[in-house]
Amino acid sequence: MSGIVWGIGGVILMPQDNIAYQAFLSFTIGGIASGGMASLSVDRRSVVALVLPTMIPHILILVQQGEPITYGMSAILVLFVLFVFLAAKKSGETFLENAKLRIKALESESRLRMMLDFSPTAASIIDIDTQEVVFANKSYASLIEKKHQEALGVTLRRYYANKLEYDDTVKLIEHGQQVNNQLVELYFPDSQQSTKWVIASYLQIEYHSKQMILAWFFDITDRKVMEEHAQHLAHHDALTGLPNRILFRERLHLAMTMAERDKYALALMFIDLDEFKPINDTHGHDVGDAVLIQCAERIRGCLRKPDSVARLGGDEFVVLLHKVSDEQAAIHVAEKVLETLQSPMTFEDLTVSVGASIGVALYPVHSTEEDGLLNCADFAMYDAKRNGRNRVRLFKNEY
């Protein structure tokens, strides 16, 4: 009906003797047909129903005038009509193809969301410009301890313990790279479990016609805790929690290396408890273990932060003192340890007392080797036992 109206209008408005006005009207009618083609190209029948009633009456009037110039104008309009139909066909095919691609994209996005929703692995989609989460599955919401809707709009960066690590990851993704199996520490200050460990992977995808980041996370917090616990047990005494012989040797090696570089002295104390075996035999291993734990705490309480104490086994302890000024400073700490160990220990209705024989050796005065320094402190400790026990002895070269 629009085509018929414009066609009638073109006939009524067509002048008989004004070529310029006829040309202007022809361009106007052609523009109307062209505009209709642009908006109706998806439906060919609509294009034909608009263009033909609009253009044919105008072309026929030009032909009826019988002038060479009107013949030319009518021929141009016929070619224009053919062009409009060809352009409409091409435009319609392109539109339909784009529409199909868009539908496929929406279907793909729908399948992706459905797949992620049912995934037990935490997953989210992040806007690459704002870094806000635009999609999150239930596992992701559970990971960050939020309700599902609360997880949307929140930036993942806020949970990274190392913010720079997250920024570097985003830069890699923006340059088209994938990030796979990255060990990430997440921090939750308001949660009972403030730290979580995840294996994270990131991939750039197109979502909602924008470039976004698909991220998924595998929670390995329990495994990480078990690994750290196993690592702790491998280097610490199970009863007292003190470093064991392996870790102490590592610390001694590092301390001697630094002392040699910076030219300062170390002191090594070898401690063997006195009268411990009778307590263990008389009152049982539970009391004996409690005594060892109490002794470990007392020794640790006599030391500075840089110093360290380890349990070598049984009732033997060893202490490393950093940056001692002279032998008297080391002996003073040893006597302090001896005094605190001699104080009675009470466990429920039972009170027991132990003493200690303590040997002291200095680096580099007595030895510059790890084993040599340990042997010197050990010799000094046995000298204390031979001379009545419950005393401190400094290593002497004549041993």
Protein backbone atom coordinates (compact mmCIF):
# COMPACT_ATOMS: atom_id res chain seq x y z
CA MET A 1 0.00 0.00 0.00
CA SER A 2 2.91 2.32 0.67
CA GLY A 3 4.24 1.53 -2.81
CA ILE A 4 0.86 2.33 -4.39
CA VAL A 5 0.57 5.62 -2.48
CA TRP A 6 4.05 6.73 -3.54
CA GLY A 7 3.40 5.58 -7.10
CA ILE A 8 0.17 7.65 -7.32
CA GLY A 9 1.91 10.58 -5.70
CA GLY A 10 4.70 10.40 -8.29
CA VAL A 11 2.14 10.48 -11.10
CA ILE A 12 0.17 13.39 -9.69
CA LEU A 13 3.25 15.48 -8.94
CA MET A 14 4.95 14.82 -12.30
CA PRO A 15 5.13 18.09 -14.36
CA GLN A 16 4.88 17.91 -18.15
CA ASP A 17 7.29 20.61 -19.24
CA ASN A 18 9.89 21.03 -16.46
CA ILE A 19 12.80 18.64 -16.97
CA ALA A 20 14.65 19.82 -13.86
CA TYR A 21 11.62 19.21 -11.67
CA GLN A 22 11.07 15.81 -13.32
CA ALA A 23 14.69 14.84 -12.54
CA PHE A 24 14.31 16.00 -8.94
CA LEU A 25 11.11 13.98 -8.56
CA SER A 26 12.77 10.92 -10.13
CA PHE A 27 15.63 11.11 -7.62
CA THR A 28 13.10 11.50 -4.79
CA ILE A 29 11.08 8.47 -5.90
CA GLY A 30 14.30 6.48 -6.36
CA GLY A 31 15.48 7.47 -2.87
CA ILE A 32 12.20 6.26 -1.40
CA ALA A 33 12.60 2.91 -3.15
CA SER A 34 16.22 2.64 -2.05
CA GLY A 35 15.32 3.44 1.55
CA GLY A 36 12.58 0.85 1.52
CA MET A 37 15.01 -1.73 0.18
CA ALA A 38 17.42 -1.07 3.09
CA SER A 39 14.75 -1.72 5.72
CA LEU A 40 12.84 -4.53 3.95
CA SER A 41 15.68 -6.48 2.33
CA VAL A 42 15.22 -9.43 4.66
CA ASP A 43 11.85 -10.10 2.90
CA ARG A 44 12.10 -10.05 -0.93
CA ARG A 45 8.33 -9.96 -1.45
CA SER A 46 8.12 -6.80 0.65
CA VAL A 47 10.84 -5.19 -1.48
CA VAL A 48 8.99 -6.04 -4.69
CA ALA A 49 5.67 -4.86 -3.23
CA LEU A 50 7.20 -1.49 -2.36
CA VAL A 51 9.58 -0.83 -5.24
CA LEU A 52 7.48 -1.84 -8.25
CA PRO A 53 4.29 0.17 -7.39
CA THR A 54 6.50 3.13 -6.56
CA MET A 55 8.74 3.09 -9.66
CA ILE A 56 6.70 1.58 -12.54
CA PRO A 57 4.07 4.39 -12.81
CA HIS A 58 6.83 6.99 -12.81
CA ILE A 59 8.83 5.16 -15.50
CA LEU A 60 5.73 4.78 -17.72
CA ILE A 61 4.92 8.49 -17.53
CA LEU A 62 8.47 9.34 -18.60
CA VAL A 63 8.22 6.93 -21.54
CA GLN A 64 4.84 8.40 -22.63
CA GLN A 65 6.31 11.89 -22.95
CA GLY A 66 8.30 10.64 -25.97
CA GLU A 67 11.31 12.90 -25.44
CA PRO A 68 14.85 11.59 -25.81
CA ILE A 69 15.74 12.89 -22.37
CA THR A 70 12.71 11.22 -20.78
CA TYR A 71 13.60 7.98 -22.54
CA GLY A 72 17.06 8.20 -21.00
CA MET A 73 15.67 8.96 -17.56
CA SER A 74 13.25 6.02 -17.78
CA ALA A 75 16.08 3.70 -18.86
CA ILE A 76 18.19 4.85 -15.90
CA LEU A 77 15.28 4.22 -13.55
CA VAL A 78 14.79 0.71 -14.96
CA LEU A 79 18.47 -0.01 -14.33
CA PHE A 80 18.07 1.51 -10.87
CA VAL A 81 15.16 -0.84 -10.14
CA LEU A 82 17.28 -3.84 -11.17
CA PHE A 83 20.10 -2.56 -8.97
CA VAL A 84 17.71 -2.17 -6.05
CA PHE A 85 16.51 -5.76 -6.43
CA LEU A 86 20.07 -7.11 -6.67
CA ALA A 87 21.21 -5.03 -3.70
CA ALA A 88 18.16 -6.08 -1.70
CA LYS A 89 18.89 -9.73 -2.44
CA LYS A 90 22.51 -9.39 -1.33
CA SER A 91 21.59 -7.36 1.73
CA GLY A 92 18.87 -9.81 2.70
CA GLU A 93 21.23 -12.79 2.39
CA THR A 94 23.82 -11.00 4.50
CA PHE A 95 21.23 -10.07 7.12
CA LEU A 96 19.91 -13.62 7.32
CA GLU A 97 23.42 -15.04 7.56
CA ASN A 98 24.27 -12.63 10.36
CA ALA A 99 21.03 -13.49 12.10
CA LYS A 100 21.83 -17.20 11.86
CA LEU A 101 25.33 -16.60 13.22
CA ARG A 102 23.87 -14.54 16.06
CA ILE A 103 21.37 -17.29 16.86
CA LYS A 104 24.18 -19.85 16.83
CA ALA A 105 26.24 -17.58 19.09
CA LEU A 106 23.33 -17.27 21.51
CA GLU A 107 22.83 -21.03 21.41
CA SER A 108 26.54 -21.53 22.02
CA GLU A 109 26.47 -19.08 24.93
CA SER A 110 23.43 -20.88 26.31
CA ARG A 111 25.16 -24.26 26.03
CA LEU A 112 28.29 -22.78 27.62
CA ARG A 113 26.31 -21.40 30.56
CA MET A 114 24.49 -24.70 30.96
CA MET A 115 27.75 -26.64 30.86
CA LEU A 116 29.39 -24.34 33.40
CA ASP A 117 26.31 -24.36 35.65
CA PHE A 118 26.50 -28.13 36.02
CA SER A 119 30.29 -28.21 36.34
CA PRO A 120 31.65 -29.13 39.80
CA THR A 121 34.65 -26.91 39.04
CA ALA A 122 34.28 -23.25 39.98
CA ALA A 123 33.93 -21.14 36.81
CA SER A 124 33.25 -17.51 35.99
CA ILE A 125 33.22 -15.17 33.01
CA ILE A 126 34.93 -11.83 33.53
CA ASP A 127 34.48 -8.61 31.54
CA ILE A 128 37.93 -7.87 30.17
CA ASP A 129 37.36 -4.09 30.40
CA THR A 130 35.82 -3.71 33.86
CA GLN A 131 37.25 -6.95 35.34
CA GLU A 132 33.83 -7.61 36.87
CA VAL A 133 32.28 -11.08 36.93
CA VAL A 134 29.32 -11.23 34.54
CA PHE A 135 28.64 -14.95 34.97
CA ALA A 136 29.39 -17.33 37.84
CA ASN A 137 28.33 -20.89 38.47
CA LYS A 138 27.30 -22.21 41.87
CA SER A 139 30.71 -23.73 42.51
CA TYR A 140 32.38 -20.35 42.00
CA ALA A 141 29.92 -18.66 44.37
CA SER A 142 30.67 -21.34 46.93
CA LEU A 143 34.42 -20.88 46.44
CA ILE A 144 34.29 -17.16 47.26
CA GLU A 145 31.63 -17.81 49.93
CA LYS A 146 28.93 -15.66 48.31
CA LYS A 147 25.35 -16.21 47.26
CA HIS A 148 24.99 -16.73 43.52
CA GLN A 149 23.73 -13.22 42.72
CA GLU A 150 26.25 -11.63 45.09
CA ALA A 151 29.09 -13.20 43.09
CA LEU A 152 28.15 -11.14 40.02
CA GLY A 153 29.70 -7.70 39.60
CA VAL A 154 32.56 -8.48 41.99
CA THR A 155 36.15 -8.36 40.72
CA LEU A 156 38.25 -11.50 41.10
CA ARG A 157 41.29 -9.34 41.86
CA ARG A 158 40.00 -8.51 45.34
CA TYR A 159 40.46 -12.15 46.38
CA TYR A 160 44.02 -12.54 45.07
CA ALA A 161 46.57 -12.57 47.88
CA ASN A 162 49.11 -11.33 45.31
CA LYS A 163 47.42 -8.52 43.33
CA LEU A 164 50.40 -8.09 40.98
CA GLU A 165 50.15 -11.75 40.00
CA TYR A 166 46.55 -11.18 38.90
CA ASP A 167 47.49 -8.03 36.93
CA ASP A 168 50.25 -9.92 35.10
CA THR A 169 47.82 -12.74 34.29
CA VAL A 170 45.28 -10.31 32.79
CA LYS A 171 48.00 -8.74 30.61
CA LEU A 172 48.89 -12.15 29.20
CA ILE A 173 45.25 -12.90 28.40
CA GLU A 174 44.76 -9.49 26.76
CA HIS A 175 47.64 -10.35 24.43
CA GLY A 176 45.86 -13.53 23.35
CA GLN A 177 47.74 -15.98 25.55
CA GLN A 178 46.22 -18.74 27.65
CA VAL A 179 47.11 -19.28 31.29
CA ASN A 180 46.86 -22.90 32.41
CA ASN A 181 47.23 -24.59 35.79
CA GLN A 182 48.41 -21.54 37.71
CA LEU A 183 48.79 -22.06 41.47
CA VAL A 184 46.94 -19.16 43.11
CA GLU A 185 46.51 -18.16 46.73
CA LEU A 186 43.13 -16.59 47.45
CA TYR A 187 42.61 -14.48 50.57
CA PHE A 188 39.31 -14.07 52.44
CA PRO A 189 39.83 -11.76 55.45
CA ASP A 190 36.25 -12.09 56.70
CA SER A 191 36.14 -15.88 56.56
CA GLN A 192 37.09 -18.54 59.09
CA GLN A 193 39.27 -20.09 56.38
CA SER A 194 41.14 -16.96 55.38
CA THR A 195 43.36 -18.63 52.75
CA LYS A 196 42.42 -20.97 49.94
CA TRP A 197 44.63 -22.48 47.24
CA VAL A 198 43.33 -23.11 43.73
CA ILE A 199 44.64 -24.26 40.36
CA ALA A 200 43.44 -21.52 37.97
CA SER A 201 43.18 -21.47 34.17
CA TYR A 202 42.16 -18.54 31.97
CA LEU A 203 41.05 -18.26 28.35
CA GLN A 204 39.85 -15.30 26.27
CA ILE A 205 36.42 -15.93 24.69
CA GLU A 206 33.68 -13.95 22.96
CA TYR A 207 30.61 -13.61 25.14
CA HIS A 208 27.67 -11.24 24.56
CA SER A 209 29.57 -9.96 21.47
CA LYS A 210 32.49 -8.84 23.65
CA GLN A 211 35.91 -10.21 24.46
CA MET A 212 35.81 -11.67 27.94
CA ILE A 213 37.81 -14.00 30.17
CA LEU A 214 36.64 -17.51 30.96
CA ALA A 215 38.19 -18.57 34.27
CA TRP A 216 37.89 -21.84 36.12
CA PHE A 217 39.34 -22.87 39.45
CA PHE A 218 40.04 -26.22 41.07
CA ASP A 219 40.15 -25.99 44.86
CA ILE A 220 43.22 -27.80 46.24
CA THR A 221 43.20 -26.24 49.72
CA ASP A 222 42.88 -29.60 51.51
CA ARG A 223 45.70 -31.11 49.47
CA LYS A 224 47.87 -28.04 50.03
CA VAL A 225 47.31 -28.22 53.79
CA MET A 226 48.24 -31.91 53.77
CA GLU A 227 51.40 -31.21 51.76
CA GLU A 228 52.42 -28.42 54.11
CA HIS A 229 51.72 -30.66 57.10
CA ALA A 230 53.82 -33.44 55.59
CA GLN A 231 56.59 -30.95 54.84
CA HIS A 232 56.40 -29.71 58.43
CA LEU A 233 56.63 -33.24 59.80
CA ALA A 234 59.65 -33.95 57.61
CA HIS A 235 61.56 -31.05 59.17
CA HIS A 236 60.13 -30.82 62.70
CA ASP A 237 59.97 -32.98 65.78
CA ALA A 238 56.48 -34.51 66.07
CA LEU A 239 56.39 -34.20 69.88
CA THR A 240 57.72 -30.69 70.60
CA GLY A 241 57.19 -29.02 67.22
CA LEU A 242 60.84 -27.90 67.22
CA PRO A 243 63.04 -28.22 64.14
CA ASN A 244 64.58 -31.66 63.79
CA ARG A 245 68.17 -32.57 62.96
CA ILE A 246 67.66 -32.12 59.19
CA LEU A 247 66.22 -28.60 59.42
CA PHE A 248 68.73 -27.58 62.10
CA ARG A 249 71.66 -28.61 59.88
CA GLU A 250 70.22 -26.48 57.08
CA ARG A 251 69.89 -23.50 59.42
CA LEU A 252 73.39 -24.04 60.80
CA HIS A 253 74.88 -24.14 57.30
CA LEU A 254 73.09 -20.92 56.34
CA ALA A 255 74.06 -19.20 59.60
CA MET A 256 77.74 -20.11 59.21
CA THR A 257 77.74 -18.89 55.61
CA MET A 258 76.29 -15.52 56.64
CA ALA A 259 78.62 -15.26 59.64
CA GLU A 260 81.65 -15.87 57.42
CA ARG A 261 80.45 -13.24 54.95
CA ASP A 262 79.58 -10.58 57.52
CA LYS A 263 82.39 -11.44 59.99
CA TYR A 264 80.50 -12.11 63.20
CA ALA A 265 80.49 -14.95 65.76
CA LEU A 266 77.98 -17.73 66.44
CA ALA A 267 77.50 -19.91 69.47
CA LEU A 268 76.29 -23.49 69.58
CA MET A 269 74.80 -24.99 72.75
CA PHE A 270 74.45 -28.74 73.18
CA ILE A 271 71.88 -29.55 75.91
CA ASP A 272 71.35 -32.97 77.49
CA LEU A 273 68.71 -33.27 80.22
CA ASP A 274 69.81 -34.72 83.55
CA GLU A 275 67.63 -37.07 85.60
CA PHE A 276 65.19 -37.48 82.71
CA LYS A 277 65.39 -41.27 82.42
CA PRO A 278 64.24 -41.89 86.03
CA ILE A 279 61.20 -39.66 85.42
CA ASN A 280 60.36 -41.56 82.25
CA ASP A 281 60.82 -44.95 83.92
CA THR A 282 58.96 -44.05 87.13
CA HIS A 283 56.03 -42.01 85.87
CA GLY A 284 55.64 -43.31 82.33
CA HIS A 285 56.13 -41.99 78.83
CA ASP A 286 53.16 -39.61 79.00
CA VAL A 287 54.82 -37.66 81.80
CA GLY A 288 58.15 -37.95 80.03
CA ASP A 289 56.67 -36.48 76.87
CA ALA A 290 55.07 -33.66 78.86
CA VAL A 291 58.46 -32.90 80.42
CA LEU A 292 60.12 -32.74 77.00
CA ILE A 293 57.40 -30.39 75.69
CA GLN A 294 57.79 -28.14 78.74
CA CYS A 295 61.57 -28.11 78.38
CA ALA A 296 61.28 -27.17 74.71
CA GLU A 297 59.02 -24.23 75.59
CA ARG A 298 61.34 -23.08 78.36
CA ILE A 299 64.40 -23.17 76.15
CA ARG A 300 62.59 -21.30 73.40
CA GLY A 301 61.52 -18.66 75.92
CA CYS A 302 65.16 -17.86 76.73
CA LEU A 303 66.14 -17.09 73.13
CA ARG A 304 65.92 -14.11 70.81
CA LYS A 305 63.98 -14.22 67.55
CA PRO A 306 67.05 -14.85 65.33
CA ASP A 307 68.16 -17.75 67.55
CA SER A 308 66.83 -21.28 67.05
CA VAL A 309 66.49 -24.48 69.04
CA ALA A 310 66.08 -28.03 67.76
CA ARG A 311 65.47 -31.42 69.29
CA LEU A 312 68.00 -33.95 68.06
CA GLY A 313 66.23 -36.90 69.65
CA GLY A 314 65.60 -38.38 73.09
CA ASP A 315 66.40 -35.73 75.69
CA GLU A 316 68.99 -33.87 73.59
CA PHE A 317 68.49 -30.32 72.35
CA VAL A 318 70.77 -27.98 70.43
CA VAL A 319 70.63 -24.18 70.31
CA LEU A 320 72.12 -21.81 67.74
CA LEU A 321 72.83 -18.25 68.89
CA HIS A 322 73.32 -15.57 66.22
CA LYS A 323 75.74 -12.68 66.50
CA VAL A 324 77.21 -13.27 69.95
CA SER A 325 79.67 -10.62 71.10
CA ASP A 326 81.97 -12.97 73.06
CA GLU A 327 82.05 -16.23 74.99
CA GLN A 328 80.64 -14.62 78.13
CA ALA A 329 77.49 -13.59 76.25
CA ALA A 330 77.00 -17.19 75.10
CA ILE A 331 77.63 -18.57 78.61
CA HIS A 332 75.14 -16.08 80.04
CA VAL A 333 72.38 -17.42 77.75
CA ALA A 334 73.34 -21.01 78.58
CA GLU A 335 73.16 -20.31 82.33
CA LYS A 336 69.76 -18.69 81.82
CA VAL A 337 68.55 -21.82 80.01
CA LEU A 338 69.98 -24.04 82.77
CA GLU A 339 68.24 -22.01 85.46
CA THR A 340 64.82 -22.18 83.79
CA LEU A 341 65.16 -25.92 83.17
CA GLN A 342 65.94 -26.57 86.84
CA SER A 343 62.66 -25.00 87.98
CA PRO A 344 60.12 -27.63 89.10
CA MET A 345 57.44 -28.73 86.64
CA THR A 346 53.93 -29.56 87.82
CA PHE A 347 51.56 -31.86 85.93
CA GLU A 348 48.23 -32.24 87.77
CA ASP A 349 49.26 -33.66 91.21
CA LEU A 350 52.78 -34.53 90.12
CA THR A 351 55.82 -32.25 90.50
CA VAL A 352 59.14 -33.19 88.90
CA SER A 353 62.50 -31.51 88.38
CA VAL A 354 65.17 -31.99 85.79
CA GLY A 355 68.52 -30.42 85.22
CA ALA A 356 70.76 -30.17 82.20
CA SER A 357 74.37 -30.45 81.16
CA ILE A 358 75.15 -27.76 78.58
CA GLY A 359 78.19 -27.53 76.33
CA VAL A 360 79.00 -24.31 74.44
CA ALA A 361 81.21 -23.84 71.36
CA LEU A 362 81.90 -20.71 69.32
CA TYR A 363 82.26 -20.12 65.60
CA PRO A 364 84.88 -19.40 64.31
CA VAL A 365 86.94 -19.65 67.53
CA HIS A 366 86.56 -23.38 68.09
CA SER A 367 85.71 -24.58 64.60
CA THR A 368 84.76 -23.30 61.16
CA GLU A 369 83.10 -26.58 60.10
CA GLU A 370 79.53 -27.65 60.85
CA ASP A 371 80.42 -31.11 62.16
CA GLY A 372 83.43 -29.73 63.97
CA LEU A 373 81.34 -27.12 65.78
CA LEU A 374 78.74 -29.73 66.77
CA ASN A 375 81.47 -32.03 68.06
CA CYS A 376 83.01 -29.22 70.09
CA ALA A 377 79.70 -28.43 71.77
CA ASP A 378 79.11 -32.15 72.35
CA PHE A 379 82.54 -32.59 73.97
CA ALA A 380 81.86 -29.60 76.22
CA MET A 381 78.50 -31.09 77.24
CA TYR A 382 80.12 -34.41 78.23
CA ASP A 383 82.70 -32.46 80.20
CA ALA A 384 79.82 -30.86 82.12
CA LYS A 385 78.40 -34.34 82.87
CA ARG A 386 81.78 -35.63 84.03
CA ASN A 387 82.12 -32.70 86.40
CA GLY A 388 78.87 -33.20 88.33
CA ARG A 389 76.12 -32.38 85.79
CA ASN A 390 73.68 -29.44 85.98
CA ARG A 391 76.29 -27.02 84.76
CA VAL A 392 77.57 -25.14 81.70
CA ARG A 393 80.95 -25.82 80.12
CA LEU A 394 82.70 -23.87 77.34
CA PHE A 395 84.70 -25.93 74.89
CA LYS A 396 88.45 -25.96 75.50
CA ASN A 397 91.02 -26.84 72.89
CA GLU A 398 92.70 -29.35 75.22
CA TYR A 399 89.64 -31.71 75.11
